Amino acid sequence: MKAIRLFSALAITMTLATSAATFGQVKIGSNPTTIDPNNNLEVESADPAKKISIHKTTGKLTIADGSQGDKKVLTSDANGVATWQSQSELAIPVTAFSGAITGLATIPTFTTHDQIDQRLPLVPTLGAADWDAGTKRFIVPVAGTYSVQVGLSCISTTGAGVTLWTRIWVVSENGGPIFKGTSPMGLTAGDWQSVVYTGKLNAGDGISLEGYTMQTDGNPPVNPIWTGTCGRAYMTVTKID
């Protein structure tokens, strides 16, 4: 009987040891007996909402001290004290949108400002959620200071001696910076222009890259078929703060 009891005790001890090794959880803090069942390790402060934990399945590390937030960056001071900070607090520029045309695009002769056919049909490579393909505009997601860079390269569709005009249109300003071409475009030799804009914008504001042709004297073309054919067009929007 003693041998049987000793064997049973050893078996139970080994089972518990194996279970602890497989499902072991470690908790350090004010509530050492309470741990999230999804975590293998938790280290908490006097406030149970402020803690460091490791998820048992994904292995993901969570650092929650009250300063955490969406898209924040973990930083350190001179003493090694870590804090979550936002992009605006750190003044780190972030690309909010980048897009370009993927084929040839036609720009019209000028008639009036901000016509939808003047706007280039960009295809987003970054920030697609904030691109309105119907209006061909980038819609500002959050208020802040933004820098916009655009480029446009076109030739004359018919060979008429028209010039290329490139513009960044900002809806809230009812306008924006413009580059006025002076050299006439041909069927093979065109014009390449770049324009930059920086300003404070509110959420919901719209930005578009626009282009059209003008006569060399600065007047609208007399013939509506004197359009431009663009092989390259891009727009990059950077949130500065």
C-alpha atoms as a PDB file:
ATOM      1  CA  MET A   1       0.000   0.000   0.000  1.00  0.00           C
ATOM      2  CA  LYS A   2       2.853   2.390   0.811  1.00  0.00           C
ATOM      3  CA  ALA A   3       4.359   1.817  -2.633  1.00  0.00           C
ATOM      4  CA  ILE A   4       1.026   2.497  -4.315  1.00  0.00           C
ATOM      5  CA  ARG A   5       0.470   5.678  -2.297  1.00  0.00           C
ATOM      6  CA  LEU A   6       3.987   6.915  -3.055  1.00  0.00           C
ATOM      7  CA  PHE A   7       3.482   6.298  -6.781  1.00  0.00           C
ATOM      8  CA  SER A   8       0.140   8.124  -6.709  1.00  0.00           C
ATOM      9  CA  ALA A   9       1.678  11.118  -4.939  1.00  0.00           C
ATOM     10  CA  LEU A  10       4.501  11.293  -7.463  1.00  0.00           C
ATOM     11  CA  ALA A  11       2.036  11.095 -10.359  1.00  0.00           C
ATOM     12  CA  ILE A  12      -0.059  13.945  -8.964  1.00  0.00           C
ATOM     13  CA  THR A  13       3.050  16.071  -8.350  1.00  0.00           C
ATOM     14  CA  MET A  14       4.315  15.517 -11.913  1.00  0.00           C
ATOM     15  CA  THR A  15       0.867  16.343 -13.334  1.00  0.00           C
ATOM     16  CA  LEU A  16       0.746  19.627 -11.441  1.00  0.00           C
ATOM     17  CA  ALA A  17       4.286  20.496 -12.496  1.00  0.00           C
ATOM     18  CA  THR A  18       3.485  19.801 -16.147  1.00  0.00           C
ATOM     19  CA  SER A  19       0.281  21.826 -15.937  1.00  0.00           C
ATOM     20  CA  ALA A  20       2.116  24.772 -14.374  1.00  0.00           C
ATOM     21  CA  ALA A  21       4.799  24.648 -17.053  1.00  0.00           C
ATOM     22  CA  THR A  22       2.217  24.536 -19.827  1.00  0.00           C
ATOM     23  CA  PHE A  23      -0.323  27.033 -18.517  1.00  0.00           C
ATOM     24  CA  GLY A  24       1.787  29.005 -16.005  1.00  0.00           C
ATOM     25  CA  GLN A  25       0.818  32.624 -15.383  1.00  0.00           C
ATOM     26  CA  VAL A  26       2.823  35.207 -13.461  1.00  0.00           C
ATOM     27  CA  LYS A  27       1.265  38.268 -11.850  1.00  0.00           C
ATOM     28  CA  ILE A  28       3.177  41.026 -10.030  1.00  0.00           C
ATOM     29  CA  GLY A  29       1.277  43.923  -8.541  1.00  0.00           C
ATOM     30  CA  SER A  30      -1.383  45.073  -6.132  1.00  0.00           C
ATOM     31  CA  ASN A  31      -3.740  42.223  -7.074  1.00  0.00           C
ATOM     32  CA  PRO A  32      -1.402  39.226  -7.429  1.00  0.00           C
ATOM     33  CA  THR A  33      -4.211  36.676  -7.463  1.00  0.00           C
ATOM     34  CA  THR A  34      -6.110  38.297 -10.338  1.00  0.00           C
ATOM     35  CA  ILE A  35      -4.777  37.978 -13.891  1.00  0.00           C
ATOM     36  CA  ASP A  36      -6.365  38.202 -17.315  1.00  0.00           C
ATOM     37  CA  PRO A  37      -6.824  34.580 -18.490  1.00  0.00           C
ATOM     38  CA  ASN A  38      -5.429  35.581 -21.901  1.00  0.00           C
ATOM     39  CA  ASN A  39      -2.117  36.761 -20.450  1.00  0.00           C
ATOM     40  CA  ASN A  40       0.923  34.801 -19.297  1.00  0.00           C
ATOM     41  CA  LEU A  41       2.543  37.784 -17.564  1.00  0.00           C
ATOM     42  CA  GLU A  42       1.188  40.925 -15.948  1.00  0.00           C
ATOM     43  CA  VAL A  43       3.004  43.639 -14.012  1.00  0.00           C
ATOM     44  CA  GLU A  44       0.643  46.288 -12.698  1.00  0.00           C
ATOM     45  CA  SER A  45       0.813  49.471 -10.643  1.00  0.00           C
ATOM     46  CA  ALA A  46      -1.492  50.431  -7.785  1.00  0.00           C
ATOM     47  CA  ASP A  47      -3.978  51.289 -10.525  1.00  0.00           C
ATOM     48  CA  PRO A  48      -4.936  47.941 -12.166  1.00  0.00           C
ATOM     49  CA  ALA A  49      -5.610  49.720 -15.463  1.00  0.00           C
ATOM     50  CA  LYS A  50      -1.932  50.656 -15.709  1.00  0.00           C
ATOM     51  CA  LYS A  51       0.127  47.563 -16.433  1.00  0.00           C
ATOM     52  CA  ILE A  52       2.456  45.663 -18.732  1.00  0.00           C
ATOM     53  CA  SER A  53       1.208  42.333 -20.059  1.00  0.00           C
ATOM     54  CA  ILE A  54       2.114  39.595 -22.544  1.00  0.00           C
ATOM     55  CA  HIS A  55      -0.669  37.765 -24.370  1.00  0.00           C
ATOM     56  CA  LYS A  56      -0.293  33.988 -24.016  1.00  0.00           C
ATOM     57  CA  THR A  57      -1.362  33.186 -27.599  1.00  0.00           C
ATOM     58  CA  THR A  58      -0.076  36.041 -29.753  1.00  0.00           C
ATOM     59  CA  GLY A  59       2.910  36.979 -27.606  1.00  0.00           C
ATOM     60  CA  LYS A  60       1.983  40.638 -28.072  1.00  0.00           C
ATOM     61  CA  LEU A  61       3.293  43.067 -25.469  1.00  0.00           C
ATOM     62  CA  THR A  62       0.881  45.673 -24.065  1.00  0.00           C
ATOM     63  CA  ILE A  63       2.145  48.736 -22.208  1.00  0.00           C
ATOM     64  CA  ALA A  64      -0.734  50.689 -20.712  1.00  0.00           C
ATOM     65  CA  ASP A  65       0.086  53.620 -18.433  1.00  0.00           C
ATOM     66  CA  GLY A  66      -2.777  55.951 -19.304  1.00  0.00           C
ATOM     67  CA  SER A  67      -0.883  57.803 -22.045  1.00  0.00           C
ATOM     68  CA  GLN A  68      -1.429  55.095 -24.694  1.00  0.00           C
ATOM     69  CA  GLY A  69      -3.545  55.794 -27.772  1.00  0.00           C
ATOM     70  CA  ASP A  70      -4.090  54.935 -31.418  1.00  0.00           C
ATOM     71  CA  LYS A  71      -0.965  55.418 -33.583  1.00  0.00           C
ATOM     72  CA  LYS A  72       1.085  56.780 -30.673  1.00  0.00           C
ATOM     73  CA  VAL A  73       4.848  56.175 -30.358  1.00  0.00           C
ATOM     74  CA  LEU A  74       6.623  54.960 -27.209  1.00  0.00           C
ATOM     75  CA  THR A  75       9.332  57.480 -26.260  1.00  0.00           C
ATOM     76  CA  SER A  76      11.810  57.895 -23.430  1.00  0.00           C
ATOM     77  CA  ASP A  77      13.103  60.852 -21.437  1.00  0.00           C
ATOM     78  CA  ALA A  78      16.686  61.312 -20.250  1.00  0.00           C
ATOM     79  CA  ASN A  79      16.044  59.030 -17.278  1.00  0.00           C
ATOM     80  CA  GLY A  80      14.570  56.214 -19.330  1.00  0.00           C
ATOM     81  CA  VAL A  81      10.977  56.896 -18.297  1.00  0.00           C
ATOM     82  CA  ALA A  82       8.738  55.751 -21.151  1.00  0.00           C
ATOM     83  CA  THR A  83       5.638  57.627 -22.339  1.00  0.00           C
ATOM     84  CA  TRP A  84       3.305  57.226 -25.298  1.00  0.00           C
ATOM     85  CA  GLN A  85       3.199  60.381 -27.457  1.00  0.00           C
ATOM     86  CA  SER A  86       1.290  61.351 -30.579  1.00  0.00           C
ATOM     87  CA  GLN A  87       2.781  62.345 -33.932  1.00  0.00           C
ATOM     88  CA  SER A  88       1.794  65.974 -33.374  1.00  0.00           C
ATOM     89  CA  GLU A  89       3.417  66.049 -29.917  1.00  0.00           C
ATOM     90  CA  LEU A  90       6.657  64.755 -31.436  1.00  0.00           C
ATOM     91  CA  ALA A  91       6.351  66.923 -34.575  1.00  0.00           C
ATOM     92  CA  ILE A  92       7.013  63.910 -36.823  1.00  0.00           C
ATOM     93  CA  PRO A  93       5.849  64.403 -40.436  1.00  0.00           C
ATOM     94  CA  VAL A  94       3.597  61.578 -41.610  1.00  0.00           C
ATOM     95  CA  THR A  95       2.585  60.850 -45.199  1.00  0.00           C
ATOM     96  CA  ALA A  96      -1.211  60.977 -45.231  1.00  0.00           C
ATOM     97  CA  PHE A  97      -1.716  60.328 -48.942  1.00  0.00           C
ATOM     98  CA  SER A  98       0.239  59.385 -52.034  1.00  0.00           C
ATOM     99  CA  GLY A  99      -1.241  58.741 -55.450  1.00  0.00           C
ATOM    100  CA  ALA A 100      -0.520  58.874 -59.171  1.00  0.00           C
ATOM    101  CA  ILE A 101      -2.223  58.227 -62.486  1.00  0.00           C
ATOM    102  CA  THR A 102      -1.756  54.736 -63.899  1.00  0.00           C
ATOM    103  CA  GLY A 103      -2.403  55.578 -67.554  1.00  0.00           C
ATOM    104  CA  LEU A 104      -2.805  58.534 -69.888  1.00  0.00           C
ATOM    105  CA  ALA A 105      -5.137  61.288 -68.692  1.00  0.00           C
ATOM    106  CA  THR A 106      -6.615  64.156 -70.704  1.00  0.00           C
ATOM    107  CA  ILE A 107      -6.840  67.669 -69.280  1.00  0.00           C
ATOM    108  CA  PRO A 108      -9.247  70.186 -70.855  1.00  0.00           C
ATOM    109  CA  THR A 109      -8.857  73.696 -72.166  1.00  0.00           C
ATOM    110  CA  PHE A 110      -9.587  76.280 -69.494  1.00  0.00           C
ATOM    111  CA  THR A 111     -13.140  77.574 -69.137  1.00  0.00           C
ATOM    112  CA  THR A 112     -13.573  78.209 -65.402  1.00  0.00           C
ATOM    113  CA  HIS A 113     -11.871  77.158 -62.186  1.00  0.00           C
ATOM    114  CA  ASP A 114     -12.124  73.803 -60.399  1.00  0.00           C
ATOM    115  CA  GLN A 115     -13.990  71.797 -63.017  1.00  0.00           C
ATOM    116  CA  ILE A 116     -14.111  68.073 -62.310  1.00  0.00           C
ATOM    117  CA  ASP A 117     -12.508  67.235 -65.673  1.00  0.00           C
ATOM    118  CA  GLN A 118      -9.510  69.385 -64.645  1.00  0.00           C
ATOM    119  CA  ARG A 119      -8.851  67.093 -61.671  1.00  0.00           C
ATOM    120  CA  LEU A 120      -6.445  64.232 -62.272  1.00  0.00           C
ATOM    121  CA  PRO A 121      -7.811  60.711 -61.585  1.00  0.00           C
ATOM    122  CA  LEU A 122      -5.138  59.602 -59.151  1.00  0.00           C
ATOM    123  CA  VAL A 123      -4.872  56.027 -57.900  1.00  0.00           C
ATOM    124  CA  PRO A 124      -3.822  55.917 -54.221  1.00  0.00           C
ATOM    125  CA  THR A 125      -0.806  53.940 -53.073  1.00  0.00           C
ATOM    126  CA  LEU A 126      -1.204  55.270 -49.518  1.00  0.00           C
ATOM    127  CA  GLY A 127      -4.207  56.822 -47.768  1.00  0.00           C
ATOM    128  CA  ALA A 128      -6.841  55.243 -50.012  1.00  0.00           C
ATOM    129  CA  ALA A 129      -9.480  55.538 -47.283  1.00  0.00           C
ATOM    130  CA  ASP A 130      -9.359  59.331 -47.567  1.00  0.00           C
ATOM    131  CA  TRP A 131      -9.449  59.498 -51.372  1.00  0.00           C
ATOM    132  CA  ASP A 132     -12.809  60.306 -52.970  1.00  0.00           C
ATOM    133  CA  ALA A 133     -12.633  58.800 -56.462  1.00  0.00           C
ATOM    134  CA  GLY A 134     -15.948  60.389 -57.427  1.00  0.00           C
ATOM    135  CA  THR A 135     -14.789  63.957 -56.852  1.00  0.00           C
ATOM    136  CA  LYS A 136     -11.104  63.108 -57.406  1.00  0.00           C
ATOM    137  CA  ARG A 137     -10.100  64.759 -54.145  1.00  0.00           C
ATOM    138  CA  PHE A 138      -8.155  63.865 -51.007  1.00  0.00           C
ATOM    139  CA  ILE A 139     -10.376  64.503 -47.973  1.00  0.00           C
ATOM    140  CA  VAL A 140      -8.446  65.718 -44.917  1.00  0.00           C
ATOM    141  CA  PRO A 141      -9.087  63.197 -42.088  1.00  0.00           C
ATOM    142  CA  VAL A 142      -8.041  65.336 -39.095  1.00  0.00           C
ATOM    143  CA  ALA A 143      -7.229  69.007 -38.573  1.00  0.00           C
ATOM    144  CA  GLY A 144      -3.575  70.030 -38.735  1.00  0.00           C
ATOM    145  CA  THR A 145      -0.830  71.550 -40.841  1.00  0.00           C
ATOM    146  CA  TYR A 146      -0.359  69.817 -44.191  1.00  0.00           C
ATOM    147  CA  SER A 147       2.174  70.054 -47.000  1.00  0.00           C
ATOM    148  CA  VAL A 148       1.022  69.104 -50.506  1.00  0.00           C
ATOM    149  CA  GLN A 149       3.381  68.329 -53.388  1.00  0.00           C
ATOM    150  CA  VAL A 150       2.158  67.690 -56.928  1.00  0.00           C
ATOM    151  CA  GLY A 151       3.721  67.064 -60.308  1.00  0.00           C
ATOM    152  CA  LEU A 152       2.230  66.982 -63.806  1.00  0.00           C
ATOM    153  CA  SER A 153       3.787  66.106 -67.168  1.00  0.00           C
ATOM    154  CA  CYS A 154       1.746  66.591 -70.365  1.00  0.00           C
ATOM    155  CA  ILE A 155       1.991  67.095 -74.120  1.00  0.00           C
ATOM    156  CA  SER A 156      -0.349  68.834 -76.539  1.00  0.00           C
ATOM    157  CA  THR A 157      -3.069  66.433 -77.673  1.00  0.00           C
ATOM    158  CA  THR A 158      -3.431  67.988 -81.144  1.00  0.00           C
ATOM    159  CA  GLY A 159      -0.094  69.739 -81.542  1.00  0.00           C
ATOM    160  CA  ALA A 160      -1.628  73.164 -80.976  1.00  0.00           C
ATOM    161  CA  GLY A 161       0.751  75.636 -79.336  1.00  0.00           C
ATOM    162  CA  VAL A 162      -0.890  75.687 -75.913  1.00  0.00           C
ATOM    163  CA  THR A 163       0.766  75.840 -72.505  1.00  0.00           C
ATOM    164  CA  LEU A 164       0.270  73.683 -69.430  1.00  0.00           C
ATOM    165  CA  TRP A 165      -1.070  75.130 -66.182  1.00  0.00           C
ATOM    166  CA  THR A 166      -0.845  73.045 -62.988  1.00  0.00           C
ATOM    167  CA  ARG A 167      -2.752  73.853 -59.811  1.00  0.00           C
ATOM    168  CA  ILE A 168      -3.337  72.575 -56.287  1.00  0.00           C
ATOM    169  CA  TRP A 169      -6.954  73.301 -55.421  1.00  0.00           C
ATOM    170  CA  VAL A 170      -7.872  73.630 -51.736  1.00  0.00           C
ATOM    171  CA  VAL A 171     -11.639  73.711 -51.239  1.00  0.00           C
ATOM    172  CA  SER A 172     -11.632  75.836 -48.060  1.00  0.00           C
ATOM    173  CA  GLU A 173      -9.485  78.477 -49.753  1.00  0.00           C
ATOM    174  CA  ASN A 174     -11.456  78.411 -53.006  1.00  0.00           C
ATOM    175  CA  GLY A 175      -8.163  78.238 -54.849  1.00  0.00           C
ATOM    176  CA  GLY A 176      -4.513  77.435 -54.334  1.00  0.00           C
ATOM    177  CA  PRO A 177      -1.022  77.790 -55.789  1.00  0.00           C
ATOM    178  CA  ILE A 178      -0.649  77.573 -59.557  1.00  0.00           C
ATOM    179  CA  PHE A 179       2.225  77.131 -62.012  1.00  0.00           C
ATOM    180  CA  LYS A 180       1.655  78.916 -65.305  1.00  0.00           C
ATOM    181  CA  GLY A 181       3.526  77.389 -68.222  1.00  0.00           C
ATOM    182  CA  THR A 182       5.045  79.745 -70.789  1.00  0.00           C
ATOM    183  CA  SER A 183       6.560  77.354 -73.334  1.00  0.00           C
ATOM    184  CA  PRO A 184       4.102  75.856 -75.852  1.00  0.00           C
ATOM    185  CA  MET A 185       3.743  72.081 -75.770  1.00  0.00           C
ATOM    186  CA  GLY A 186       4.033  69.889 -78.845  1.00  0.00           C
ATOM    187  CA  LEU A 187       2.956  66.376 -79.767  1.00  0.00           C
ATOM    188  CA  THR A 188       6.208  64.873 -78.506  1.00  0.00           C
ATOM    189  CA  ALA A 189       7.842  67.574 -76.382  1.00  0.00           C
ATOM    190  CA  GLY A 190       5.667  68.619 -73.477  1.00  0.00           C
ATOM    191  CA  ASP A 191       6.092  70.286 -70.108  1.00  0.00           C
ATOM    192  CA  TRP A 192       6.776  69.026 -66.589  1.00  0.00           C
ATOM    193  CA  GLN A 193       5.646  71.158 -63.646  1.00  0.00           C
ATOM    194  CA  SER A 194       5.703  70.880 -59.843  1.00  0.00           C
ATOM    195  CA  VAL A 195       3.729  72.858 -57.265  1.00  0.00           C
ATOM    196  CA  VAL A 196       3.872  72.932 -53.441  1.00  0.00           C
ATOM    197  CA  TYR A 197       1.329  74.115 -50.863  1.00  0.00           C
ATOM    198  CA  THR A 198       1.523  74.272 -47.049  1.00  0.00           C
ATOM    199  CA  GLY A 199      -1.284  75.372 -44.743  1.00  0.00           C
ATOM    200  CA  LYS A 200      -3.557  74.610 -41.812  1.00  0.00           C
ATOM    201  CA  LEU A 201      -6.589  72.563 -42.816  1.00  0.00           C
ATOM    202  CA  ASN A 202      -9.663  71.271 -41.035  1.00  0.00           C
ATOM    203  CA  ALA A 203     -11.087  67.769 -41.154  1.00  0.00           C
ATOM    204  CA  GLY A 204     -13.277  67.331 -44.222  1.00  0.00           C
ATOM    205  CA  ASP A 205     -11.391  69.827 -46.376  1.00  0.00           C
ATOM    206  CA  GLY A 206     -10.693  68.724 -49.949  1.00  0.00           C
ATOM    207  CA  ILE A 207      -7.490  68.855 -52.014  1.00  0.00           C
ATOM    208  CA  SER A 208      -7.067  68.015 -55.691  1.00  0.00           C
ATOM    209  CA  LEU A 209      -4.415  68.136 -58.414  1.00  0.00           C
ATOM    210  CA  GLU A 210      -5.750  70.049 -61.400  1.00  0.00           C
ATOM    211  CA  GLY A 211      -4.443  70.836 -64.857  1.00  0.00           C
ATOM    212  CA  TYR A 212      -5.622  72.538 -68.045  1.00  0.00           C
ATOM    213  CA  THR A 213      -4.268  74.199 -71.170  1.00  0.00           C
ATOM    214  CA  MET A 214      -4.042  77.908 -71.964  1.00  0.00           C
ATOM    215  CA  GLN A 215      -2.829  79.903 -74.933  1.00  0.00           C
ATOM    216  CA  THR A 216       0.692  81.307 -74.750  1.00  0.00           C
ATOM    217  CA  ASP A 217      -0.798  84.780 -74.221  1.00  0.00           C
ATOM    218  CA  GLY A 218      -2.524  83.559 -71.041  1.00  0.00           C
ATOM    219  CA  ASN A 219      -6.017  83.480 -72.499  1.00  0.00           C
ATOM    220  CA  PRO A 220      -8.276  80.409 -72.672  1.00  0.00           C
ATOM    221  CA  PRO A 221      -7.811  78.403 -75.893  1.00  0.00           C
ATOM    222  CA  VAL A 222     -10.275  79.375 -78.615  1.00  0.00           C
ATOM    223  CA  ASN A 223     -10.654  75.747 -79.685  1.00  0.00           C
ATOM    224  CA  PRO A 224     -11.893  73.228 -77.069  1.00  0.00           C
ATOM    225  CA  ILE A 225     -10.000  70.370 -78.742  1.00  0.00           C
ATOM    226  CA  TRP A 226      -6.636  71.937 -77.842  1.00  0.00           C
ATOM    227  CA  THR A 227      -6.409  69.743 -74.774  1.00  0.00           C
ATOM    228  CA  GLY A 228      -3.417  68.155 -73.080  1.00  0.00           C
ATOM    229  CA  THR A 229      -2.448  64.504 -72.711  1.00  0.00           C
ATOM    230  CA  CYS A 230      -0.687  63.692 -69.439  1.00  0.00           C
ATOM    231  CA  GLY A 231       1.551  60.688 -68.948  1.00  0.00           C
ATOM    232  CA  ARG A 232       2.634  61.443 -65.392  1.00  0.00           C
ATOM    233  CA  ALA A 233       0.783  63.003 -62.488  1.00  0.00           C
ATOM    234  CA  TYR A 234       1.242  62.558 -58.753  1.00  0.00           C
ATOM    235  CA  MET A 235       0.207  64.086 -55.442  1.00  0.00           C
ATOM    236  CA  THR A 236       1.722  63.548 -52.004  1.00  0.00           C
ATOM    237  CA  VAL A 237       0.113  64.945 -48.848  1.00  0.00           C
ATOM    238  CA  THR A 238       2.176  65.109 -45.645  1.00  0.00           C
ATOM    239  CA  LYS A 239       0.765  65.933 -42.207  1.00  0.00           C
ATOM    240  CA  ILE A 240       3.333  68.108 -40.450  1.00  0.00           C
ATOM    241  CA  ASP A 241       1.584  68.519 -37.098  1.00  0.00           C
END
